[in-house]
Amino acid sequence: MTWSSGNTGIVKISSSGYATPVSNGTTTITARTVNGKTASASVTVINCVTIGPSDYKGSFTGTAEIGIFNGKNFYVFSQKDEEWGSYPYLKGTIGGKYQDTNIYHSGCHLLSLVNGTYWLTGKFISPKWLAKRAIDKGYRTNGDIDMKGLYKDISDNCGSKYGIEYVTCISSFSSLKKYLEKGYVGLGGGNGHVMAFVAYSGDKFLVLDSYYTYNGRSYVWKTQNQMTGRFNCSYFYIIKRR
């Protein structure tokens, strides 16, 4: 199977068929088999911004989805981004099979910290660097992750650089609501997925999802019942602006 994009200035397509948004607009993605059969689909990109070196002093080039909350822009970075998605992240269980894995498949806890930090301070943590640190420091072993250890390590040793501080770990939405109302962020989840909870309004939480689970959207407002029902969210690591 080969893949092509009608306009690579709007959507890039990899050899494996993974699409990366580049700018807002509509284009056509086409798949072609070795015997010449084709199928096409129209793809529309909205609310996408390309982040370049000028935004991060030369430290990052890639894509992010942009949202607005209380008149403030925020960015959401995906673990699927071609800049780092294929970066190796030891072994883990994917689809019931134990195999080599990468940030794309197993980096939700990394990107949750990236997204939570950017929300709080506007500073970007490289997912590749974060994955390597997790491995080198022993927080990532055989598909498991010591999230508290990793988050505290970044807070204790790099908190001044990124402007964040680890606070505590909680296990209730009522406590999460109180922290969000104080301007803190919760990195939490369940059922094998971690997301960044960054705001609370009415009866809903604003969730930044690095895997774009919700119909291709990277951020979504969900009630407590929706988050406990689908993901069984039961823990939250709290970070704040230093």
C-alpha atoms as a PDB file:
ATOM      1  CA  MET A   1       0.000   0.000   0.000  1.00  0.00           C
ATOM      2  CA  THR A   2       1.246   3.475  -0.859  1.00  0.00           C
ATOM      3  CA  TRP A   3      -0.211   6.717   0.434  1.00  0.00           C
ATOM      4  CA  SER A   4      -0.312  10.245  -0.948  1.00  0.00           C
ATOM      5  CA  SER A   5      -1.705  13.630  -0.006  1.00  0.00           C
ATOM      6  CA  GLY A   6      -3.201  15.983  -2.533  1.00  0.00           C
ATOM      7  CA  ASN A   7      -1.680  18.924  -0.667  1.00  0.00           C
ATOM      8  CA  THR A   8       1.241  18.261   1.674  1.00  0.00           C
ATOM      9  CA  GLY A   9       0.996  21.860   2.831  1.00  0.00           C
ATOM     10  CA  ILE A  10      -2.247  20.870   4.610  1.00  0.00           C
ATOM     11  CA  VAL A  11      -1.676  17.209   5.506  1.00  0.00           C
ATOM     12  CA  LYS A  12       1.485  15.081   5.288  1.00  0.00           C
ATOM     13  CA  ILE A  13       1.072  11.320   5.020  1.00  0.00           C
ATOM     14  CA  SER A  14       3.696   8.761   6.038  1.00  0.00           C
ATOM     15  CA  SER A  15       4.536   5.486   4.302  1.00  0.00           C
ATOM     16  CA  SER A  16       2.463   3.676   6.939  1.00  0.00           C
ATOM     17  CA  GLY A  17      -0.582   5.894   6.372  1.00  0.00           C
ATOM     18  CA  TYR A  18      -0.286   8.144   9.432  1.00  0.00           C
ATOM     19  CA  ALA A  19      -1.537  11.659   8.665  1.00  0.00           C
ATOM     20  CA  THR A  20       0.045  14.767  10.225  1.00  0.00           C
ATOM     21  CA  PRO A  21      -1.827  18.101  10.036  1.00  0.00           C
ATOM     22  CA  VAL A  22       0.288  20.991   8.750  1.00  0.00           C
ATOM     23  CA  SER A  23      -2.151  23.864   8.272  1.00  0.00           C
ATOM     24  CA  ASN A  24      -5.884  24.560   8.126  1.00  0.00           C
ATOM     25  CA  GLY A  25      -7.669  23.512   4.952  1.00  0.00           C
ATOM     26  CA  THR A  26      -9.033  20.532   3.015  1.00  0.00           C
ATOM     27  CA  THR A  27      -7.156  17.986   0.928  1.00  0.00           C
ATOM     28  CA  THR A  28      -7.559  14.436  -0.351  1.00  0.00           C
ATOM     29  CA  ILE A  29      -5.691  11.414   0.991  1.00  0.00           C
ATOM     30  CA  THR A  30      -5.316   8.507  -1.449  1.00  0.00           C
ATOM     31  CA  ALA A  31      -4.297   4.892  -0.775  1.00  0.00           C
ATOM     32  CA  ARG A  32      -3.068   2.754  -3.670  1.00  0.00           C
ATOM     33  CA  THR A  33      -2.532  -1.026  -3.653  1.00  0.00           C
ATOM     34  CA  VAL A  34       0.232  -2.806  -5.527  1.00  0.00           C
ATOM     35  CA  ASN A  35      -2.274  -3.993  -8.130  1.00  0.00           C
ATOM     36  CA  GLY A  36      -3.453  -0.449  -8.849  1.00  0.00           C
ATOM     37  CA  LYS A  37      -6.668  -0.195  -6.852  1.00  0.00           C
ATOM     38  CA  THR A  38      -7.230   3.141  -5.095  1.00  0.00           C
ATOM     39  CA  ALA A  39      -9.428   4.661  -2.415  1.00  0.00           C
ATOM     40  CA  SER A  40      -9.601   8.312  -1.420  1.00  0.00           C
ATOM     41  CA  ALA A  41     -10.975  10.378   1.436  1.00  0.00           C
ATOM     42  CA  SER A  42     -11.358  14.092   1.961  1.00  0.00           C
ATOM     43  CA  VAL A  43      -9.639  15.398   5.107  1.00  0.00           C
ATOM     44  CA  THR A  44     -10.266  18.804   6.690  1.00  0.00           C
ATOM     45  CA  VAL A  45      -7.862  20.316   9.214  1.00  0.00           C
ATOM     46  CA  ILE A  46      -9.192  22.911  11.664  1.00  0.00           C
ATOM     47  CA  ASN A  47      -7.662  24.757  14.614  1.00  0.00           C
ATOM     48  CA  CYS A  48      -4.147  23.624  13.703  1.00  0.00           C
ATOM     49  CA  VAL A  49      -1.028  25.716  14.158  1.00  0.00           C
ATOM     50  CA  THR A  50       2.521  24.836  13.153  1.00  0.00           C
ATOM     51  CA  ILE A  51       5.024  25.604  15.896  1.00  0.00           C
ATOM     52  CA  GLY A  52       8.472  26.575  14.665  1.00  0.00           C
ATOM     53  CA  PRO A  53      11.879  27.266  16.191  1.00  0.00           C
ATOM     54  CA  SER A  54      11.048  30.901  16.937  1.00  0.00           C
ATOM     55  CA  ASP A  55       8.413  29.754  19.446  1.00  0.00           C
ATOM     56  CA  TYR A  56      10.808  27.587  21.429  1.00  0.00           C
ATOM     57  CA  LYS A  57      14.218  29.156  20.801  1.00  0.00           C
ATOM     58  CA  GLY A  58      15.103  26.477  18.242  1.00  0.00           C
ATOM     59  CA  SER A  59      14.140  23.540  20.469  1.00  0.00           C
ATOM     60  CA  PHE A  60      11.055  22.262  18.642  1.00  0.00           C
ATOM     61  CA  THR A  61       9.573  21.875  15.193  1.00  0.00           C
ATOM     62  CA  GLY A  62       6.286  20.040  14.791  1.00  0.00           C
ATOM     63  CA  THR A  63       2.526  20.475  14.931  1.00  0.00           C
ATOM     64  CA  ALA A  64      -0.003  21.117  17.662  1.00  0.00           C
ATOM     65  CA  GLU A  65      -3.716  21.735  17.934  1.00  0.00           C
ATOM     66  CA  ILE A  66      -4.698  25.134  19.250  1.00  0.00           C
ATOM     67  CA  GLY A  67      -7.620  25.885  21.566  1.00  0.00           C
ATOM     68  CA  ILE A  68      -8.925  28.909  23.419  1.00  0.00           C
ATOM     69  CA  PHE A  69      -9.988  29.104  27.071  1.00  0.00           C
ATOM     70  CA  ASN A  70     -10.970  32.350  28.810  1.00  0.00           C
ATOM     71  CA  GLY A  71      -9.472  34.322  25.948  1.00  0.00           C
ATOM     72  CA  LYS A  72      -6.117  32.527  26.199  1.00  0.00           C
ATOM     73  CA  ASN A  73      -4.631  30.297  23.498  1.00  0.00           C
ATOM     74  CA  PHE A  74      -3.311  26.913  24.513  1.00  0.00           C
ATOM     75  CA  TYR A  75      -1.593  24.155  22.533  1.00  0.00           C
ATOM     76  CA  VAL A  76      -2.011  20.386  22.694  1.00  0.00           C
ATOM     77  CA  PHE A  77       0.829  18.146  21.511  1.00  0.00           C
ATOM     78  CA  SER A  78       0.189  14.601  20.289  1.00  0.00           C
ATOM     79  CA  GLN A  79       2.130  11.454  21.122  1.00  0.00           C
ATOM     80  CA  LYS A  80       1.512  10.517  17.470  1.00  0.00           C
ATOM     81  CA  ASP A  81       3.526  13.472  16.109  1.00  0.00           C
ATOM     82  CA  GLU A  82       6.081  12.315  13.542  1.00  0.00           C
ATOM     83  CA  GLU A  83       8.734  14.440  15.271  1.00  0.00           C
ATOM     84  CA  TRP A  84       8.827  11.963  18.169  1.00  0.00           C
ATOM     85  CA  GLY A  85       6.123   9.306  17.745  1.00  0.00           C
ATOM     86  CA  SER A  86       8.549   6.629  16.551  1.00  0.00           C
ATOM     87  CA  TYR A  87      11.100   7.355  19.293  1.00  0.00           C
ATOM     88  CA  PRO A  88      11.779   4.030  21.124  1.00  0.00           C
ATOM     89  CA  TYR A  89      10.338   3.638  24.607  1.00  0.00           C
ATOM     90  CA  LEU A  90      11.410   0.145  25.721  1.00  0.00           C
ATOM     91  CA  LYS A  91       9.029  -2.797  25.606  1.00  0.00           C
ATOM     92  CA  GLY A  92       5.376  -3.040  26.525  1.00  0.00           C
ATOM     93  CA  THR A  93       2.127  -4.854  25.820  1.00  0.00           C
ATOM     94  CA  ILE A  94       0.296  -3.603  22.733  1.00  0.00           C
ATOM     95  CA  GLY A  95      -2.878  -5.362  21.633  1.00  0.00           C
ATOM     96  CA  GLY A  96      -2.104  -8.232  23.994  1.00  0.00           C
ATOM     97  CA  LYS A  97       1.343  -8.788  22.430  1.00  0.00           C
ATOM     98  CA  TYR A  98       4.581  -7.995  24.256  1.00  0.00           C
ATOM     99  CA  GLN A  99       6.814  -6.052  21.861  1.00  0.00           C
ATOM    100  CA  ASP A 100       9.069  -3.069  21.324  1.00  0.00           C
ATOM    101  CA  THR A 101       7.124   0.134  21.751  1.00  0.00           C
ATOM    102  CA  ASN A 102       7.519   3.875  21.255  1.00  0.00           C
ATOM    103  CA  ILE A 103       6.091   7.242  22.278  1.00  0.00           C
ATOM    104  CA  TYR A 104       3.262   6.893  19.734  1.00  0.00           C
ATOM    105  CA  HIS A 105       1.906   3.768  21.440  1.00  0.00           C
ATOM    106  CA  SER A 106       2.959   4.271  25.057  1.00  0.00           C
ATOM    107  CA  GLY A 107       3.798   7.922  25.693  1.00  0.00           C
ATOM    108  CA  CYS A 108       0.518   9.330  27.022  1.00  0.00           C
ATOM    109  CA  HIS A 109       1.992   9.986  30.478  1.00  0.00           C
ATOM    110  CA  LEU A 110       4.921  11.831  28.863  1.00  0.00           C
ATOM    111  CA  LEU A 111       2.739  14.034  26.670  1.00  0.00           C
ATOM    112  CA  SER A 112       0.381  14.691  29.589  1.00  0.00           C
ATOM    113  CA  LEU A 113       3.305  16.334  31.389  1.00  0.00           C
ATOM    114  CA  VAL A 114       4.287  18.169  28.198  1.00  0.00           C
ATOM    115  CA  ASN A 115       0.736  19.478  27.724  1.00  0.00           C
ATOM    116  CA  GLY A 116       0.175  20.254  31.406  1.00  0.00           C
ATOM    117  CA  THR A 117       3.439  22.169  31.607  1.00  0.00           C
ATOM    118  CA  TYR A 118       2.711  24.153  28.472  1.00  0.00           C
ATOM    119  CA  TRP A 119      -0.724  25.033  29.831  1.00  0.00           C
ATOM    120  CA  LEU A 120       0.792  26.330  33.077  1.00  0.00           C
ATOM    121  CA  THR A 121       3.919  28.101  31.857  1.00  0.00           C
ATOM    122  CA  GLY A 122       4.035  28.140  28.050  1.00  0.00           C
ATOM    123  CA  LYS A 123       7.290  26.175  28.177  1.00  0.00           C
ATOM    124  CA  PHE A 124       7.857  23.090  26.041  1.00  0.00           C
ATOM    125  CA  ILE A 125       9.421  19.848  27.297  1.00  0.00           C
ATOM    126  CA  SER A 126      10.829  17.683  24.508  1.00  0.00           C
ATOM    127  CA  PRO A 127       9.028  14.298  24.513  1.00  0.00           C
ATOM    128  CA  LYS A 128      12.191  12.582  23.221  1.00  0.00           C
ATOM    129  CA  TRP A 129      14.269  14.021  26.044  1.00  0.00           C
ATOM    130  CA  LEU A 130      11.562  13.117  28.560  1.00  0.00           C
ATOM    131  CA  ALA A 131      11.381   9.514  27.285  1.00  0.00           C
ATOM    132  CA  LYS A 132      15.156   9.108  27.462  1.00  0.00           C
ATOM    133  CA  ARG A 133      15.251  10.527  30.996  1.00  0.00           C
ATOM    134  CA  ALA A 134      12.477   8.156  32.107  1.00  0.00           C
ATOM    135  CA  ILE A 135      14.498   5.205  30.806  1.00  0.00           C
ATOM    136  CA  ASP A 136      17.892   6.397  32.059  1.00  0.00           C
ATOM    137  CA  LYS A 137      16.566   7.159  35.552  1.00  0.00           C
ATOM    138  CA  GLY A 138      14.778   3.818  35.841  1.00  0.00           C
ATOM    139  CA  TYR A 139      11.213   5.169  35.847  1.00  0.00           C
ATOM    140  CA  ARG A 140      10.429   3.253  32.643  1.00  0.00           C
ATOM    141  CA  THR A 141      11.058  -0.496  32.900  1.00  0.00           C
ATOM    142  CA  ASN A 142       9.606  -3.282  30.745  1.00  0.00           C
ATOM    143  CA  GLY A 143       6.535  -1.344  29.758  1.00  0.00           C
ATOM    144  CA  ASP A 144       5.802  -0.056  33.283  1.00  0.00           C
ATOM    145  CA  ILE A 145       6.183   3.553  34.407  1.00  0.00           C
ATOM    146  CA  ASP A 146       6.709   5.164  37.802  1.00  0.00           C
ATOM    147  CA  MET A 147       4.825   8.366  37.022  1.00  0.00           C
ATOM    148  CA  LYS A 148       5.208   9.851  40.488  1.00  0.00           C
ATOM    149  CA  GLY A 149       8.950   9.252  40.359  1.00  0.00           C
ATOM    150  CA  LEU A 150       9.270  10.825  36.910  1.00  0.00           C
ATOM    151  CA  TYR A 151       7.086  13.839  37.664  1.00  0.00           C
ATOM    152  CA  LYS A 152       8.871  14.505  40.961  1.00  0.00           C
ATOM    153  CA  ASP A 153      12.247  14.143  39.263  1.00  0.00           C
ATOM    154  CA  ILE A 154      11.361  16.763  36.654  1.00  0.00           C
ATOM    155  CA  SER A 155       9.977  19.033  39.379  1.00  0.00           C
ATOM    156  CA  ASP A 156      12.997  18.649  41.686  1.00  0.00           C
ATOM    157  CA  ASN A 157      15.704  18.848  39.031  1.00  0.00           C
ATOM    158  CA  CYS A 158      14.188  20.773  36.122  1.00  0.00           C
ATOM    159  CA  GLY A 159      11.301  22.620  37.763  1.00  0.00           C
ATOM    160  CA  SER A 160      13.023  25.979  37.642  1.00  0.00           C
ATOM    161  CA  LYS A 161      13.720  25.590  33.919  1.00  0.00           C
ATOM    162  CA  TYR A 162      10.150  24.670  33.042  1.00  0.00           C
ATOM    163  CA  GLY A 163       8.430  26.650  35.809  1.00  0.00           C
ATOM    164  CA  ILE A 164       6.528  23.748  37.368  1.00  0.00           C
ATOM    165  CA  GLU A 165       6.347  22.037  40.750  1.00  0.00           C
ATOM    166  CA  TYR A 166       4.977  18.627  41.722  1.00  0.00           C
ATOM    167  CA  VAL A 167       2.378  18.878  44.507  1.00  0.00           C
ATOM    168  CA  THR A 168       0.765  15.523  45.346  1.00  0.00           C
ATOM    169  CA  CYS A 169      -1.241  12.570  44.053  1.00  0.00           C
ATOM    170  CA  ILE A 170      -5.003  12.449  44.672  1.00  0.00           C
ATOM    171  CA  SER A 171      -7.733   9.939  43.910  1.00  0.00           C
ATOM    172  CA  SER A 172     -11.004  11.891  43.706  1.00  0.00           C
ATOM    173  CA  PHE A 173     -12.653  14.250  41.272  1.00  0.00           C
ATOM    174  CA  SER A 174     -13.829  16.470  44.129  1.00  0.00           C
ATOM    175  CA  SER A 175     -10.203  17.121  45.117  1.00  0.00           C
ATOM    176  CA  LEU A 176      -9.238  17.568  41.466  1.00  0.00           C
ATOM    177  CA  LYS A 177     -11.923  20.217  41.067  1.00  0.00           C
ATOM    178  CA  LYS A 178     -10.504  22.213  44.008  1.00  0.00           C
ATOM    179  CA  TYR A 179      -6.975  22.095  42.603  1.00  0.00           C
ATOM    180  CA  LEU A 180      -8.132  23.131  39.126  1.00  0.00           C
ATOM    181  CA  GLU A 181     -10.016  26.070  40.596  1.00  0.00           C
ATOM    182  CA  LYS A 182      -6.705  27.192  42.153  1.00  0.00           C
ATOM    183  CA  GLY A 183      -5.028  27.095  38.750  1.00  0.00           C
ATOM    184  CA  TYR A 184      -3.229  23.773  39.167  1.00  0.00           C
ATOM    185  CA  VAL A 185      -3.211  20.883  36.652  1.00  0.00           C
ATOM    186  CA  GLY A 186      -3.991  17.195  37.162  1.00  0.00           C
ATOM    187  CA  LEU A 187      -2.191  14.500  35.163  1.00  0.00           C
ATOM    188  CA  GLY A 188      -4.467  11.527  35.576  1.00  0.00           C
ATOM    189  CA  GLY A 189      -6.213   8.574  34.116  1.00  0.00           C
ATOM    190  CA  GLY A 190      -7.116   4.917  34.258  1.00  0.00           C
ATOM    191  CA  ASN A 191      -7.597   1.921  31.965  1.00  0.00           C
ATOM    192  CA  GLY A 192      -4.114   2.427  30.537  1.00  0.00           C
ATOM    193  CA  HIS A 193      -4.459   6.048  29.421  1.00  0.00           C
ATOM    194  CA  VAL A 194      -3.256   9.313  30.992  1.00  0.00           C
ATOM    195  CA  MET A 195      -4.490  12.811  30.100  1.00  0.00           C
ATOM    196  CA  ALA A 196      -4.042  16.346  31.396  1.00  0.00           C
ATOM    197  CA  PHE A 197      -6.993  17.870  33.278  1.00  0.00           C
ATOM    198  CA  VAL A 198      -6.505  21.629  33.138  1.00  0.00           C
ATOM    199  CA  ALA A 199      -9.758  23.459  33.939  1.00  0.00           C
ATOM    200  CA  TYR A 200     -13.212  23.050  35.449  1.00  0.00           C
ATOM    201  CA  SER A 201     -16.344  24.959  34.427  1.00  0.00           C
ATOM    202  CA  GLY A 202     -19.947  24.208  35.283  1.00  0.00           C
ATOM    203  CA  ASP A 203     -19.967  20.456  35.731  1.00  0.00           C
ATOM    204  CA  LYS A 204     -17.299  19.629  33.151  1.00  0.00           C
ATOM    205  CA  PHE A 205     -13.529  19.192  33.087  1.00  0.00           C
ATOM    206  CA  LEU A 206     -11.346  20.405  30.217  1.00  0.00           C
ATOM    207  CA  VAL A 207      -9.216  17.424  29.178  1.00  0.00           C
ATOM    208  CA  LEU A 208      -6.129  17.566  26.944  1.00  0.00           C
ATOM    209  CA  ASP A 209      -5.763  14.175  25.257  1.00  0.00           C
ATOM    210  CA  SER A 210      -2.434  13.453  23.545  1.00  0.00           C
ATOM    211  CA  TYR A 211      -3.853  10.408  21.742  1.00  0.00           C
ATOM    212  CA  TYR A 212      -6.737  12.382  20.164  1.00  0.00           C
ATOM    213  CA  THR A 213      -9.230   9.779  21.402  1.00  0.00           C
ATOM    214  CA  TYR A 214     -12.360  11.853  20.952  1.00  0.00           C
ATOM    215  CA  ASN A 215     -13.092  11.737  17.219  1.00  0.00           C
ATOM    216  CA  GLY A 216      -9.694  13.163  16.364  1.00  0.00           C
ATOM    217  CA  ARG A 217      -9.924  16.012  18.864  1.00  0.00           C
ATOM    218  CA  SER A 218      -7.072  16.760  21.249  1.00  0.00           C
ATOM    219  CA  TYR A 219      -9.160  18.584  23.848  1.00  0.00           C
ATOM    220  CA  VAL A 220     -12.682  18.037  25.094  1.00  0.00           C
ATOM    221  CA  TRP A 221     -15.028  19.022  27.933  1.00  0.00           C
ATOM    222  CA  LYS A 222     -16.271  15.958  29.852  1.00  0.00           C
ATOM    223  CA  THR A 223     -18.289  15.361  33.016  1.00  0.00           C
ATOM    224  CA  GLN A 224     -17.036  13.257  35.896  1.00  0.00           C
ATOM    225  CA  ASN A 225     -19.437  10.457  34.945  1.00  0.00           C
ATOM    226  CA  GLN A 226     -18.098  10.415  31.400  1.00  0.00           C
ATOM    227  CA  MET A 227     -14.503  10.188  32.594  1.00  0.00           C
ATOM    228  CA  THR A 228     -15.188   7.452  35.150  1.00  0.00           C
ATOM    229  CA  GLY A 229     -17.377   5.543  32.729  1.00  0.00           C
ATOM    230  CA  ARG A 230     -15.072   5.299  29.726  1.00  0.00           C
ATOM    231  CA  PHE A 231     -11.611   5.546  31.243  1.00  0.00           C
ATOM    232  CA  ASN A 232     -12.291   4.737  34.890  1.00  0.00           C
ATOM    233  CA  CYS A 233     -10.122   7.720  35.851  1.00  0.00           C
ATOM    234  CA  SER A 234      -9.047   7.132  39.439  1.00  0.00           C
ATOM    235  CA  TYR A 235      -5.782   9.014  40.085  1.00  0.00           C
ATOM    236  CA  PHE A 236      -4.376  12.461  39.400  1.00  0.00           C
ATOM    237  CA  TYR A 237      -0.826  13.748  39.839  1.00  0.00           C
ATOM    238  CA  ILE A 238      -1.061  17.453  40.639  1.00  0.00           C
ATOM    239  CA  ILE A 239       1.428  20.009  39.330  1.00  0.00           C
ATOM    240  CA  LYS A 240       1.395  23.778  39.667  1.00  0.00           C
ATOM    241  CA  ARG A 241       3.200  26.827  38.330  1.00  0.00           C
ATOM    242  CA  ARG A 242       6.399  27.391  40.299  1.00  0.00           C
END
